[in-house]
């Protein structure tokens, strides 16, 4: 399970940095606390589907596109 969490977090970080956003800015866009976004990106927590929806909305992509190539 930890490998999946790490892979999801790495993908989110990659997509965020490609847009030039700081973690704090992106957390604000997604309406997620910055420290929780850090936990997600480091793969320290299981991400709820509702949180993945917020992240996808923030990135303007679907959850399936976010997870493509991971699962």
N, C-alpha and C. Protein backbone atom coordinates (compact mmCIF):
# COMPACT_ATOMS: atom_id res chain seq x y z
N UNK A 1 0.82 -1.20 0.00
CA UNK A 1 0.00 0.00 0.00
C UNK A 1 0.86 1.26 0.00
N UNK A 2 1.94 1.27 0.73
CA UNK A 2 2.80 2.46 0.80
C UNK A 2 3.33 2.84 -0.57
N UNK A 3 3.63 1.85 -1.41
CA UNK A 3 4.12 2.16 -2.75
C UNK A 3 3.08 2.92 -3.55
N UNK A 4 1.82 2.55 -3.41
CA UNK A 4 0.74 3.24 -4.11
C UNK A 4 0.62 4.68 -3.62
N UNK A 5 0.66 4.88 -2.32
CA UNK A 5 0.57 6.22 -1.74
C UNK A 5 1.72 7.09 -2.25
N UNK A 6 2.92 6.53 -2.29
CA UNK A 6 4.09 7.27 -2.75
C UNK A 6 3.95 7.62 -4.23
N UNK A 7 3.45 6.68 -5.03
CA UNK A 7 3.28 6.93 -6.46
C UNK A 7 2.24 8.01 -6.73
N UNK A 8 1.14 7.98 -6.00
CA UNK A 8 0.11 9.01 -6.16
C UNK A 8 0.66 10.37 -5.75
N UNK A 9 1.34 10.42 -4.63
CA UNK A 9 1.92 11.68 -4.17
C UNK A 9 2.93 12.25 -5.15
N UNK A 10 3.76 11.37 -5.71
CA UNK A 10 4.78 11.82 -6.68
C UNK A 10 4.12 12.37 -7.93
N UNK A 11 3.03 11.74 -8.37
CA UNK A 11 2.32 12.21 -9.56
C UNK A 11 1.70 13.58 -9.31
N UNK A 12 1.10 13.74 -8.14
CA UNK A 12 0.50 15.03 -7.79
C UNK A 12 1.58 16.11 -7.75
N UNK A 13 2.71 15.82 -7.12
CA UNK A 13 3.81 16.79 -7.05
C UNK A 13 4.31 17.14 -8.45
N UNK A 14 4.46 16.13 -9.30
CA UNK A 14 4.93 16.35 -10.67
C UNK A 14 3.99 17.28 -11.43
N UNK A 15 2.69 17.02 -11.33
CA UNK A 15 1.71 17.84 -12.05
C UNK A 15 1.65 19.26 -11.48
N UNK A 16 1.78 19.37 -10.16
CA UNK A 16 1.77 20.69 -9.52
C UNK A 16 2.97 21.51 -9.95
N UNK A 17 4.15 20.92 -9.87
CA UNK A 17 5.36 21.68 -10.20
C UNK A 17 5.43 22.01 -11.68
N UNK A 18 4.84 21.17 -12.53
CA UNK A 18 4.81 21.46 -13.96
C UNK A 18 4.00 22.73 -14.24
N UNK A 19 3.07 23.03 -13.34
CA UNK A 19 2.27 24.24 -13.50
C UNK A 19 2.92 25.44 -12.80
N UNK A 20 4.03 25.20 -12.12
CA UNK A 20 4.75 26.28 -11.46
C UNK A 20 4.15 26.73 -10.15
N UNK A 21 3.31 25.90 -9.53
CA UNK A 21 2.64 26.26 -8.29
C UNK A 21 3.44 25.78 -7.09
N UNK A 22 3.47 26.60 -6.07
CA UNK A 22 4.03 26.16 -4.79
C UNK A 22 3.01 25.20 -4.17
N UNK A 23 3.50 24.44 -3.20
CA UNK A 23 2.60 23.52 -2.50
C UNK A 23 1.49 24.29 -1.79
N UNK A 24 1.84 25.42 -1.21
CA UNK A 24 0.85 26.22 -0.49
C UNK A 24 -0.21 26.77 -1.44
N UNK A 25 0.22 27.29 -2.57
CA UNK A 25 -0.73 27.82 -3.57
C UNK A 25 -1.66 26.72 -4.04
N UNK A 26 -1.09 25.56 -4.36
CA UNK A 26 -1.90 24.45 -4.86
C UNK A 26 -2.87 23.95 -3.79
N UNK A 27 -2.43 23.88 -2.55
CA UNK A 27 -3.32 23.47 -1.46
C UNK A 27 -4.50 24.43 -1.35
N UNK A 28 -4.23 25.72 -1.49
CA UNK A 28 -5.31 26.71 -1.46
C UNK A 28 -6.28 26.52 -2.62
N UNK A 29 -5.75 26.25 -3.81
CA UNK A 29 -6.60 26.02 -4.97
C UNK A 29 -7.52 24.82 -4.73
N UNK A 30 -6.96 23.77 -4.11
CA UNK A 30 -7.71 22.53 -3.87
C UNK A 30 -8.55 22.58 -2.60
N UNK A 31 -8.40 23.65 -1.82
CA UNK A 31 -9.08 23.79 -0.53
C UNK A 31 -8.72 22.64 0.41
N UNK A 32 -7.41 22.37 0.46
CA UNK A 32 -6.84 21.35 1.34
C UNK A 32 -5.77 22.06 2.17
N UNK A 33 -5.66 21.71 3.44
CA UNK A 33 -4.64 22.33 4.28
C UNK A 33 -3.26 22.00 3.72
N UNK A 34 -2.35 22.99 3.74
CA UNK A 34 -1.02 22.81 3.16
C UNK A 34 -0.26 21.64 3.78
N UNK A 35 -0.38 21.46 5.09
CA UNK A 35 0.34 20.36 5.72
C UNK A 35 -0.21 19.01 5.26
N UNK A 36 -1.51 18.93 5.02
CA UNK A 36 -2.09 17.69 4.51
C UNK A 36 -1.63 17.43 3.07
N UNK A 37 -1.53 18.49 2.28
CA UNK A 37 -1.02 18.34 0.92
C UNK A 37 0.41 17.80 0.96
N UNK A 38 1.20 18.28 1.90
CA UNK A 38 2.56 17.78 2.05
C UNK A 38 2.57 16.30 2.38
N UNK A 39 1.68 15.88 3.27
CA UNK A 39 1.58 14.46 3.63
C UNK A 39 1.19 13.62 2.41
N UNK A 40 0.28 14.15 1.62
CA UNK A 40 -0.16 13.45 0.41
C UNK A 40 1.01 13.30 -0.55
N UNK A 41 1.70 14.40 -0.82
CA UNK A 41 2.80 14.38 -1.79
C UNK A 41 3.96 13.49 -1.33
N UNK A 42 4.14 13.36 -0.04
CA UNK A 42 5.20 12.50 0.49
C UNK A 42 4.75 11.04 0.60
N UNK A 43 3.48 10.77 0.33
CA UNK A 43 2.97 9.41 0.40
C UNK A 43 2.78 8.91 1.82
N UNK A 44 2.55 9.81 2.75
CA UNK A 44 2.42 9.45 4.15
C UNK A 44 1.00 9.09 4.57
N UNK A 45 0.02 9.38 3.73
CA UNK A 45 -1.38 9.12 4.09
C UNK A 45 -2.12 8.46 2.93
N UNK A 46 -3.16 7.72 3.28
CA UNK A 46 -4.09 7.22 2.27
C UNK A 46 -4.96 8.40 1.85
N UNK A 47 -5.11 8.59 0.57
CA UNK A 47 -5.86 9.73 0.07
C UNK A 47 -7.31 9.31 -0.17
N UNK A 48 -8.23 10.03 0.42
CA UNK A 48 -9.65 9.76 0.21
C UNK A 48 -10.03 10.13 -1.22
N UNK A 49 -11.02 9.45 -1.76
CA UNK A 49 -11.47 9.73 -3.13
C UNK A 49 -11.97 11.18 -3.23
N UNK A 50 -12.58 11.69 -2.18
CA UNK A 50 -13.05 13.08 -2.21
C UNK A 50 -11.87 14.05 -2.31
N UNK A 51 -10.76 13.70 -1.69
CA UNK A 51 -9.56 14.53 -1.78
C UNK A 51 -8.96 14.43 -3.18
N UNK A 52 -8.97 13.24 -3.76
CA UNK A 52 -8.49 13.09 -5.14
C UNK A 52 -9.34 13.91 -6.10
N UNK A 53 -10.64 14.00 -5.82
CA UNK A 53 -11.51 14.83 -6.66
C UNK A 53 -11.12 16.30 -6.55
N UNK A 54 -10.82 16.76 -5.34
CA UNK A 54 -10.40 18.15 -5.16
C UNK A 54 -9.08 18.42 -5.89
N UNK A 55 -8.15 17.48 -5.79
CA UNK A 55 -6.86 17.62 -6.47
C UNK A 55 -7.07 17.63 -7.98
N UNK A 56 -7.88 16.71 -8.48
CA UNK A 56 -8.17 16.67 -9.91
C UNK A 56 -8.80 17.96 -10.39
N UNK A 57 -9.75 18.47 -9.62
CA UNK A 57 -10.40 19.74 -9.98
C UNK A 57 -9.38 20.87 -10.00
N UNK A 58 -8.49 20.88 -9.01
CA UNK A 58 -7.45 21.91 -8.96
C UNK A 58 -6.52 21.85 -10.16
N UNK A 59 -6.27 20.64 -10.65
CA UNK A 59 -5.40 20.45 -11.81
C UNK A 59 -6.16 20.50 -13.13
N UNK A 60 -7.50 20.58 -13.03
CA UNK A 60 -8.38 20.58 -14.20
C UNK A 60 -8.25 19.28 -15.00
N UNK A 61 -8.16 18.17 -14.26
CA UNK A 61 -8.14 16.84 -14.87
C UNK A 61 -9.07 15.93 -14.08
N UNK A 62 -9.44 14.81 -14.68
CA UNK A 62 -10.29 13.84 -13.98
C UNK A 62 -9.44 13.01 -13.02
N UNK A 63 -10.12 12.37 -12.09
CA UNK A 63 -9.43 11.47 -11.16
C UNK A 63 -8.78 10.33 -11.94
N UNK A 64 -9.47 9.83 -12.96
CA UNK A 64 -8.89 8.73 -13.75
C UNK A 64 -7.63 9.19 -14.47
N UNK A 65 -7.59 10.43 -14.96
CA UNK A 65 -6.39 10.94 -15.60
C UNK A 65 -5.28 11.11 -14.57
N UNK A 66 -5.63 11.51 -13.38
CA UNK A 66 -4.66 11.65 -12.30
C UNK A 66 -4.01 10.31 -11.96
N UNK A 67 -4.81 9.25 -11.97
CA UNK A 67 -4.31 7.93 -11.59
C UNK A 67 -3.78 7.11 -12.75
N UNK A 68 -3.94 7.62 -13.97
CA UNK A 68 -3.49 6.89 -15.15
C UNK A 68 -2.00 6.57 -15.04
N UNK A 69 -1.66 5.32 -15.27
CA UNK A 69 -0.28 4.88 -15.21
C UNK A 69 0.19 4.49 -13.82
N UNK A 70 -0.65 4.74 -12.82
CA UNK A 70 -0.30 4.40 -11.45
C UNK A 70 -0.99 3.10 -11.03
N UNK A 71 -2.29 3.03 -11.29
CA UNK A 71 -3.07 1.85 -10.88
C UNK A 71 -3.64 1.16 -12.09
